[in-house]
C-alpha atoms as a PDB file:
ATOM      1  CA  MET A   1     202.862   7.983 153.331  1.00  0.00           C
ATOM      2  CA  SER A   2     202.854   4.533 154.893  1.00  0.00           C
ATOM      3  CA  GLY A   3     201.406   2.901 157.949  1.00  0.00           C
ATOM      4  CA  HIS A   4     197.894   2.027 159.000  1.00  0.00           C
ATOM      5  CA  ASN A   5     196.791   5.353 160.431  1.00  0.00           C
ATOM      6  CA  LYS A   6     199.075   7.943 158.896  1.00  0.00           C
ATOM      7  CA  TRP A   7     196.113  10.028 157.777  1.00  0.00           C
ATOM      8  CA  SER A   8     194.913  10.364 161.376  1.00  0.00           C
ATOM      9  CA  SER A   9     198.359  11.332 162.619  1.00  0.00           C
ATOM     10  CA  ILE A  10     199.143  13.836 159.870  1.00  0.00           C
ATOM     11  CA  LYS A  11     195.732  15.490 160.188  1.00  0.00           C
ATOM     12  CA  HIS A  12     196.246  15.821 163.932  1.00  0.00           C
ATOM     13  CA  LYS A  13     199.495  17.708 163.351  1.00  0.00           C
ATOM     14  CA  LYS A  14     198.059  19.778 160.505  1.00  0.00           C
ATOM     15  CA  GLY A  15     195.006  20.685 162.553  1.00  0.00           C
ATOM     16  CA  ALA A  16     197.192  21.949 165.368  1.00  0.00           C
ATOM     17  CA  ALA A  17     199.212  24.017 162.907  1.00  0.00           C
ATOM     18  CA  ASP A  18     196.136  25.485 161.247  1.00  0.00           C
ATOM     19  CA  ALA A  19     194.636  26.321 164.644  1.00  0.00           C
ATOM     20  CA  LYS A  20     191.037  26.159 163.422  1.00  0.00           C
ATOM     21  CA  ARG A  21     190.059  26.511 167.049  1.00  0.00           C
ATOM     22  CA  GLY A  22     186.396  27.386 166.567  1.00  0.00           C
ATOM     23  CA  LYS A  23     185.628  24.333 164.448  1.00  0.00           C
ATOM     24  CA  ILE A  24     187.669  22.052 166.697  1.00  0.00           C
ATOM     25  CA  PHE A  25     185.811  23.325 169.759  1.00  0.00           C
ATOM     26  CA  SER A  26     182.454  22.831 168.038  1.00  0.00           C
ATOM     27  CA  LYS A  27     183.189  19.171 167.288  1.00  0.00           C
ATOM     28  CA  LEU A  28     184.525  18.542 170.794  1.00  0.00           C
ATOM     29  CA  ILE A  29     181.475  20.153 172.411  1.00  0.00           C
ATOM     30  CA  LYS A  30     179.188  17.887 170.379  1.00  0.00           C
ATOM     31  CA  GLU A  31     181.129  14.811 171.472  1.00  0.00           C
ATOM     32  CA  ILE A  32     181.105  15.856 175.152  1.00  0.00           C
ATOM     33  CA  THR A  33     177.361  16.547 174.997  1.00  0.00           C
ATOM     34  CA  VAL A  34     176.528  13.173 173.438  1.00  0.00           C
ATOM     35  CA  ALA A  35     178.899  11.298 175.749  1.00  0.00           C
ATOM     36  CA  ALA A  36     177.285  12.899 178.817  1.00  0.00           C
ATOM     37  CA  ARG A  37     173.786  12.189 177.497  1.00  0.00           C
ATOM     38  CA  MET A  38     174.569   8.515 176.929  1.00  0.00           C
ATOM     39  CA  GLY A  39     176.726   7.720 179.966  1.00  0.00           C
ATOM     40  CA  GLY A  40     176.198  10.409 182.588  1.00  0.00           C
ATOM     41  CA  SER A  41     178.129  13.423 183.795  1.00  0.00           C
ATOM     42  CA  ASP A  42     180.877  11.679 185.791  1.00  0.00           C
ATOM     43  CA  PRO A  43     183.986  11.137 183.644  1.00  0.00           C
ATOM     44  CA  ASN A  44     185.277   8.541 186.113  1.00  0.00           C
ATOM     45  CA  GLY A  45     182.347   6.260 185.309  1.00  0.00           C
ATOM     46  CA  ASN A  46     181.967   7.276 181.662  1.00  0.00           C
ATOM     47  CA  PRO A  47     184.992   6.343 179.515  1.00  0.00           C
ATOM     48  CA  ARG A  48     183.652   8.097 176.421  1.00  0.00           C
ATOM     49  CA  LEU A  49     183.139  11.335 178.336  1.00  0.00           C
ATOM     50  CA  ARG A  50     186.560  10.984 179.956  1.00  0.00           C
ATOM     51  CA  ALA A  51     188.193  10.685 176.531  1.00  0.00           C
ATOM     52  CA  ALA A  52     186.209  13.647 175.175  1.00  0.00           C
ATOM     53  CA  VAL A  53     187.115  15.872 178.138  1.00  0.00           C
ATOM     54  CA  SER A  54     190.765  14.841 177.831  1.00  0.00           C
ATOM     55  CA  ALA A  55     190.735  15.776 174.128  1.00  0.00           C
ATOM     56  CA  ALA A  56     189.126  19.125 174.965  1.00  0.00           C
ATOM     57  CA  LYS A  57     191.776  19.889 177.576  1.00  0.00           C
ATOM     58  CA  THR A  58     194.494  19.004 175.071  1.00  0.00           C
ATOM     59  CA  GLU A  59     193.037  21.688 172.791  1.00  0.00           C
ATOM     60  CA  ASN A  60     192.985  24.152 175.721  1.00  0.00           C
ATOM     61  CA  MET A  61     189.210  24.416 175.780  1.00  0.00           C
ATOM     62  CA  PRO A  62     188.079  26.582 178.736  1.00  0.00           C
ATOM     63  CA  LYS A  63     186.712  24.658 181.709  1.00  0.00           C
ATOM     64  CA  ASP A  64     183.402  26.566 181.524  1.00  0.00           C
ATOM     65  CA  ASN A  65     182.832  25.339 177.952  1.00  0.00           C
ATOM     66  CA  ILE A  66     183.401  21.738 179.021  1.00  0.00           C
ATOM     67  CA  GLU A  67     181.075  21.981 182.017  1.00  0.00           C
ATOM     68  CA  ARG A  68     178.365  23.669 179.938  1.00  0.00           C
ATOM     69  CA  ALA A  69     178.543  20.933 177.289  1.00  0.00           C
ATOM     70  CA  ILE A  70     178.211  18.254 179.975  1.00  0.00           C
ATOM     71  CA  LYS A  71     175.169  19.976 181.475  1.00  0.00           C
ATOM     72  CA  LYS A  72     173.548  20.217 178.045  1.00  0.00           C
ATOM     73  CA  GLY A  73     174.092  16.504 177.618  1.00  0.00           C
ATOM     74  CA  THR A  74     172.509  15.626 180.956  1.00  0.00           C
ATOM     75  CA  GLY A  75     169.612  18.034 180.456  1.00  0.00           C
ATOM     76  CA  GLU A  76     170.610  20.500 183.194  1.00  0.00           C
ATOM     77  CA  LEU A  77     170.873  23.134 180.462  1.00  0.00           C
ATOM     78  CA  GLU A  78     168.814  23.373 177.304  1.00  0.00           C
ATOM     79  CA  GLY A  79     170.683  22.083 174.280  1.00  0.00           C
ATOM     80  CA  VAL A  80     170.472  20.501 170.851  1.00  0.00           C
ATOM     81  CA  SER A  81     169.870  16.755 170.515  1.00  0.00           C
ATOM     82  CA  TYR A  82     172.468  15.164 168.236  1.00  0.00           C
ATOM     83  CA  GLU A  83     172.122  11.881 166.353  1.00  0.00           C
ATOM     84  CA  GLU A  84     175.108   9.630 165.632  1.00  0.00           C
ATOM     85  CA  ILE A  85     175.394   8.411 162.037  1.00  0.00           C
ATOM     86  CA  VAL A  86     178.179   6.654 160.121  1.00  0.00           C
ATOM     87  CA  TYR A  87     178.378   7.008 156.337  1.00  0.00           C
ATOM     88  CA  GLU A  88     180.534   4.801 154.136  1.00  0.00           C
ATOM     89  CA  GLY A  89     181.862   5.332 150.655  1.00  0.00           C
ATOM     90  CA  TYR A  90     184.738   5.284 148.220  1.00  0.00           C
ATOM     91  CA  ALA A  91     187.286   7.942 147.347  1.00  0.00           C
ATOM     92  CA  PRO A  92     188.639   8.355 143.800  1.00  0.00           C
ATOM     93  CA  GLY A  93     190.744   5.277 143.054  1.00  0.00           C
ATOM     94  CA  GLY A  94     188.582   3.065 145.249  1.00  0.00           C
ATOM     95  CA  ALA A  95     189.979   3.836 148.707  1.00  0.00           C
ATOM     96  CA  ALA A  96     187.538   3.142 151.540  1.00  0.00           C
ATOM     97  CA  VAL A  97     186.207   6.093 153.555  1.00  0.00           C
ATOM     98  CA  LEU A  98     184.310   6.034 156.859  1.00  0.00           C
ATOM     99  CA  VAL A  99     182.581   9.233 157.995  1.00  0.00           C
ATOM    100  CA  GLU A 100     181.363   9.611 161.591  1.00  0.00           C
ATOM    101  CA  CYS A 101     178.746  12.332 162.087  1.00  0.00           C
ATOM    102  CA  LEU A 102     176.951  13.974 164.988  1.00  0.00           C
ATOM    103  CA  THR A 103     174.041  15.983 163.607  1.00  0.00           C
ATOM    104  CA  ASP A 104     170.760  17.610 164.588  1.00  0.00           C
ATOM    105  CA  ASN A 105     169.504  17.224 161.014  1.00  0.00           C
ATOM    106  CA  LYS A 106     170.040  13.818 159.400  1.00  0.00           C
ATOM    107  CA  ASN A 107     168.674  14.911 156.006  1.00  0.00           C
ATOM    108  CA  ARG A 108     171.117  17.821 155.844  1.00  0.00           C
ATOM    109  CA  ALA A 109     174.030  15.646 156.915  1.00  0.00           C
ATOM    110  CA  VAL A 110     173.499  12.912 154.313  1.00  0.00           C
ATOM    111  CA  ALA A 111     172.930  15.499 151.569  1.00  0.00           C
ATOM    112  CA  ASP A 112     176.129  17.351 152.453  1.00  0.00           C
ATOM    113  CA  VAL A 113     178.219  14.183 152.709  1.00  0.00           C
ATOM    114  CA  ARG A 114     176.856  12.791 149.420  1.00  0.00           C
ATOM    115  CA  HIS A 115     177.580  16.112 147.686  1.00  0.00           C
ATOM    116  CA  LEU A 116     181.176  16.171 148.952  1.00  0.00           C
ATOM    117  CA  PHE A 117     181.812  12.611 147.777  1.00  0.00           C
ATOM    118  CA  SER A 118     180.358  13.375 144.340  1.00  0.00           C
ATOM    119  CA  LYS A 119     182.145  16.719 143.978  1.00  0.00           C
ATOM    120  CA  SER A 120     185.507  15.077 144.698  1.00  0.00           C
ATOM    121  CA  GLY A 121     185.040  12.179 142.290  1.00  0.00           C
ATOM    122  CA  GLY A 122     184.094   9.580 144.901  1.00  0.00           C
ATOM    123  CA  ASN A 123     180.739   8.047 145.754  1.00  0.00           C
ATOM    124  CA  LEU A 124     178.681   7.383 148.870  1.00  0.00           C
ATOM    125  CA  GLY A 125     177.979   3.680 149.404  1.00  0.00           C
ATOM    126  CA  GLU A 126     175.572   1.487 151.328  1.00  0.00           C
ATOM    127  CA  ASN A 127     175.900   0.768 155.051  1.00  0.00           C
ATOM    128  CA  GLY A 128     178.491  -1.936 155.571  1.00  0.00           C
ATOM    129  CA  CYS A 129     180.231  -1.518 152.227  1.00  0.00           C
ATOM    130  CA  VAL A 130     183.610  -0.579 153.738  1.00  0.00           C
ATOM    131  CA  SER A 131     183.287  -0.746 157.537  1.00  0.00           C
ATOM    132  CA  TRP A 132     184.435  -4.380 157.477  1.00  0.00           C
ATOM    133  CA  MET A 133     187.827  -3.148 156.268  1.00  0.00           C
ATOM    134  CA  PHE A 134     188.489  -1.326 159.574  1.00  0.00           C
ATOM    135  CA  ASP A 135     189.073  -2.413 163.185  1.00  0.00           C
ATOM    136  CA  LYS A 136     188.114  -0.246 166.163  1.00  0.00           C
ATOM    137  CA  LYS A 137     191.241   0.180 168.265  1.00  0.00           C
ATOM    138  CA  GLY A 138     192.882   2.434 170.821  1.00  0.00           C
ATOM    139  CA  LEU A 139     195.708   4.590 169.447  1.00  0.00           C
ATOM    140  CA  ILE A 140     198.303   6.368 171.574  1.00  0.00           C
ATOM    141  CA  VAL A 141     200.968   8.450 169.821  1.00  0.00           C
ATOM    142  CA  VAL A 142     204.220   9.381 171.569  1.00  0.00           C
ATOM    143  CA  ASN A 143     206.939  11.590 170.097  1.00  0.00           C
ATOM    144  CA  LYS A 144     210.319   9.867 169.973  1.00  0.00           C
ATOM    145  CA  ASP A 145     211.950  12.674 171.942  1.00  0.00           C
ATOM    146  CA  LYS A 146     209.746  11.768 174.940  1.00  0.00           C
ATOM    147  CA  THR A 147     210.934   8.168 175.400  1.00  0.00           C
ATOM    148  CA  ASP A 148     212.915   5.327 173.853  1.00  0.00           C
ATOM    149  CA  GLU A 149     211.308   2.359 172.145  1.00  0.00           C
ATOM    150  CA  ASP A 150     212.388  -0.267 174.675  1.00  0.00           C
ATOM    151  CA  GLN A 151     210.979   1.679 177.623  1.00  0.00           C
ATOM    152  CA  LEU A 152     207.685   2.410 175.868  1.00  0.00           C
ATOM    153  CA  MET A 153     207.379  -1.150 174.598  1.00  0.00           C
ATOM    154  CA  GLU A 154     207.855  -2.624 178.073  1.00  0.00           C
ATOM    155  CA  ILE A 155     205.340  -0.283 179.706  1.00  0.00           C
ATOM    156  CA  ALA A 156     202.723  -0.585 176.976  1.00  0.00           C
ATOM    157  CA  ILE A 157     202.856  -4.347 176.491  1.00  0.00           C
ATOM    158  CA  ASP A 158     202.834  -4.978 180.253  1.00  0.00           C
ATOM    159  CA  ALA A 159     199.683  -2.827 180.487  1.00  0.00           C
ATOM    160  CA  GLY A 160     197.948  -4.818 177.734  1.00  0.00           C
ATOM    161  CA  ALA A 161     198.880  -3.104 174.448  1.00  0.00           C
ATOM    162  CA  GLU A 162     198.723  -5.180 171.271  1.00  0.00           C
ATOM    163  CA  ASP A 163     201.626  -3.545 169.442  1.00  0.00           C
ATOM    164  CA  VAL A 164     204.038  -0.611 169.333  1.00  0.00           C
ATOM    165  CA  ASN A 165     204.930   0.686 165.863  1.00  0.00           C
ATOM    166  CA  ASP A 166     207.851   2.880 164.822  1.00  0.00           C
ATOM    167  CA  GLU A 167     206.426   5.602 162.547  1.00  0.00           C
ATOM    168  CA  ASP A 168     208.887   8.295 161.425  1.00  0.00           C
ATOM    169  CA  ASP A 169     209.230  10.693 164.402  1.00  0.00           C
ATOM    170  CA  THR A 170     206.668   8.957 166.631  1.00  0.00           C
ATOM    171  CA  PHE A 171     205.834   5.647 168.268  1.00  0.00           C
ATOM    172  CA  GLU A 172     202.248   4.457 167.863  1.00  0.00           C
ATOM    173  CA  VAL A 173     200.783   2.190 170.525  1.00  0.00           C
ATOM    174  CA  ILE A 174     197.819   0.053 169.423  1.00  0.00           C
ATOM    175  CA  THR A 175     195.400  -1.399 171.972  1.00  0.00           C
ATOM    176  CA  ASP A 176     192.126  -3.243 172.162  1.00  0.00           C
ATOM    177  CA  ILE A 177     189.443  -0.706 173.128  1.00  0.00           C
ATOM    178  CA  SER A 178     188.937  -2.500 176.458  1.00  0.00           C
ATOM    179  CA  ASP A 179     192.619  -1.953 177.339  1.00  0.00           C
ATOM    180  CA  PHE A 180     192.943   1.606 176.021  1.00  0.00           C
ATOM    181  CA  GLU A 181     192.465   3.409 179.347  1.00  0.00           C
ATOM    182  CA  SER A 182     194.823   1.138 181.310  1.00  0.00           C
ATOM    183  CA  VAL A 183     197.581   1.425 178.682  1.00  0.00           C
ATOM    184  CA  LYS A 184     197.161   5.196 178.425  1.00  0.00           C
ATOM    185  CA  ASP A 185     197.284   5.529 182.226  1.00  0.00           C
ATOM    186  CA  ALA A 186     200.388   3.333 182.449  1.00  0.00           C
ATOM    187  CA  ILE A 187     202.228   5.471 179.887  1.00  0.00           C
ATOM    188  CA  GLU A 188     201.219   8.741 181.563  1.00  0.00           C
ATOM    189  CA  ASN A 189     202.037   7.384 185.046  1.00  0.00           C
ATOM    190  CA  ALA A 190     205.564   6.742 183.748  1.00  0.00           C
ATOM    191  CA  SER A 191     205.756  10.510 183.026  1.00  0.00           C
ATOM    192  CA  ILE A 192     205.767   9.925 179.274  1.00  0.00           C
ATOM    193  CA  GLU A 193     203.880  12.685 177.490  1.00  0.00           C
ATOM    194  CA  THR A 194     201.460  11.558 174.765  1.00  0.00           C
ATOM    195  CA  GLU A 195     200.937  13.463 171.528  1.00  0.00           C
ATOM    196  CA  MET A 196     197.528  11.932 170.843  1.00  0.00           C
ATOM    197  CA  ALA A 197     195.329   9.307 172.514  1.00  0.00           C
ATOM    198  CA  GLU A 198     191.995   8.254 171.048  1.00  0.00           C
ATOM    199  CA  ILE A 199     189.705   5.437 170.021  1.00  0.00           C
ATOM    200  CA  THR A 200     189.991   5.194 166.251  1.00  0.00           C
ATOM    201  CA  MET A 201     189.250   3.028 163.229  1.00  0.00           C
ATOM    202  CA  ILE A 202     192.390   1.383 161.826  1.00  0.00           C
ATOM    203  CA  PRO A 203     192.395  -0.008 158.261  1.00  0.00           C
ATOM    204  CA  GLN A 204     193.270  -3.691 157.921  1.00  0.00           C
ATOM    205  CA  ASN A 205     195.056  -2.967 154.636  1.00  0.00           C
ATOM    206  CA  MET A 206     196.211   0.169 152.832  1.00  0.00           C
ATOM    207  CA  LEU A 207     195.502   1.114 149.204  1.00  0.00           C
ATOM    208  CA  THR A 208     198.239   3.122 147.478  1.00  0.00           C
ATOM    209  CA  LEU A 209     197.038   6.149 145.514  1.00  0.00           C
ATOM    210  CA  GLU A 210     199.095   8.430 143.308  1.00  0.00           C
ATOM    211  CA  GLY A 211     198.697  11.410 140.996  1.00  0.00           C
ATOM    212  CA  LYS A 212     195.235  12.826 140.392  1.00  0.00           C
ATOM    213  CA  GLU A 213     193.457  10.186 142.476  1.00  0.00           C
ATOM    214  CA  ALA A 214     195.650  10.964 145.496  1.00  0.00           C
ATOM    215  CA  GLU A 215     195.039  14.712 145.108  1.00  0.00           C
ATOM    216  CA  GLN A 216     191.270  14.192 144.766  1.00  0.00           C
ATOM    217  CA  THR A 217     191.235  11.997 147.865  1.00  0.00           C
ATOM    218  CA  ILE A 218     193.035  14.656 149.902  1.00  0.00           C
ATOM    219  CA  ARG A 219     190.455  17.236 148.763  1.00  0.00           C
ATOM    220  CA  LEU A 220     187.632  14.866 149.707  1.00  0.00           C
ATOM    221  CA  MET A 221     189.056  14.189 153.169  1.00  0.00           C
ATOM    222  CA  ASP A 222     189.695  17.892 153.818  1.00  0.00           C
ATOM    223  CA  ALA A 223     186.177  18.821 152.670  1.00  0.00           C
ATOM    224  CA  LEU A 224     184.564  16.143 154.843  1.00  0.00           C
ATOM    225  CA  GLU A 225     186.545  17.177 157.909  1.00  0.00           C
ATOM    226  CA  ASP A 226     185.508  20.793 157.311  1.00  0.00           C
ATOM    227  CA  CYS A 227     181.810  19.817 157.296  1.00  0.00           C
ATOM    228  CA  ASP A 228     180.026  20.918 160.484  1.00  0.00           C
ATOM    229  CA  ASP A 229     178.151  17.629 160.924  1.00  0.00           C
ATOM    230  CA  VAL A 230     181.264  15.464 160.501  1.00  0.00           C
ATOM    231  CA  GLN A 231     183.214  14.433 163.603  1.00  0.00           C
ATOM    232  CA  LYS A 232     185.879  12.074 162.235  1.00  0.00           C
ATOM    233  CA  VAL A 233     186.932  10.671 158.871  1.00  0.00           C
ATOM    234  CA  TYR A 234     188.938   7.498 158.248  1.00  0.00           C
ATOM    235  CA  THR A 235     190.444   6.077 155.071  1.00  0.00           C
ATOM    236  CA  ASN A 236     192.709   3.254 153.955  1.00  0.00           C
ATOM    237  CA  ALA A 237     194.258   5.510 151.309  1.00  0.00           C
ATOM    238  CA  ASP A 238     198.059   5.437 151.303  1.00  0.00           C
ATOM    239  CA  ILE A 239     199.071   8.846 149.927  1.00  0.00           C
ATOM    240  CA  PRO A 240     202.590  10.098 149.090  1.00  0.00           C
ATOM    241  CA  GLU A 241     203.993  12.180 151.944  1.00  0.00           C
ATOM    242  CA  ASP A 242     204.890  15.130 149.702  1.00  0.00           C
ATOM    243  CA  LEU A 243     201.225  15.690 148.820  1.00  0.00           C
ATOM    244  CA  LEU A 244     200.313  16.122 152.485  1.00  0.00           C
ATOM    245  CA  ASN A 245     202.858  18.816 153.324  1.00  0.00           C
END
């Protein structure tokens, strides 16, 4: 496993294969609700909500579910109030881990996350201990059978992308968060289908793990992503491809 965001890409594919639809929907509904609460109900004027609705449609979430989540966020329907929290820690072997949560119970969330780190041989750290190792970027993934590199490179760079990387069977377009929407629109307007498009945290450097430490890190990441309060997990762990299949 190589590349700056391979974990994100492989988990996206694995999640689709596992079809854990209920849990995926739950996390998306939380994100839509919070996005609507913070920026309003109009996706055209609320980039975070627009991205959340787009992700929900990609997962084939029914329109009624999306509209209900938006109304809960704006207060038109009664709903739960979620708090955004980011936890930071270390996986076995010292890899950095960022955990983004949306929770209605902060005490429960921190207890669950701390337990999962400890159970897997890692440890929860202080705020700021690893976040400096990541950059917030836009990520757009395109399967190679949807375009050729020269075409994608020209479209993406002209629209403001920072880089286009060749990663196995996909191309990965990296953008500044301010240019994410314009680059994504340019690619889609060229009738190029995207596999994944999201704002993500990209590690500045990767840490290679092998053997037991790699296996423990995979268990930690899987356990965190299965936690109800956890929305997204990021790591700079570079794990052998065969352990992820």
